[in-house]
Amino acid sequence: MRGEKLKTGRVVILGAAYGGERELKEIKVSTDGGRSWEKGEWIGPQAPFAWRQWQYLWEARDPGDFRVMARAIDKQGQKQPMNAAWNVLGYGNNGVIEHLIPVRVE
């Protein structure tokens, strides 16, 4: 929820990725604004042309503000772009979007 603060410890990060005509191979998650990436895991069913649900178990050890990002990689090795190419109708808006998560010790 917007404005919610999390406690340090294990945080389950959930998301969904879409590969269109391409089958997705893996999901990578960053909690430091893209400086490093860790492998997430797929959860739920896999079906052609469907969104894939994923999760990442993050150990939030220190308080602070963390920029969380995720990017999908397909079976051909193509990575989701960090920035989407602009077009008039917004099709292909597939760039990585970062989310700021404040983690505070209570």
Foldseek 3Di string as FASTA:
>chain_A
DPPDAAAFFKDKDKDKDFDAQFAWDWKWKDFAQPPDTDTWAWDDDDDGRDITMIIDIDGRHDFDKTKMKMWIATPVGDIFAQAFDDDDVCPRRGHIDIDIHGYDHD
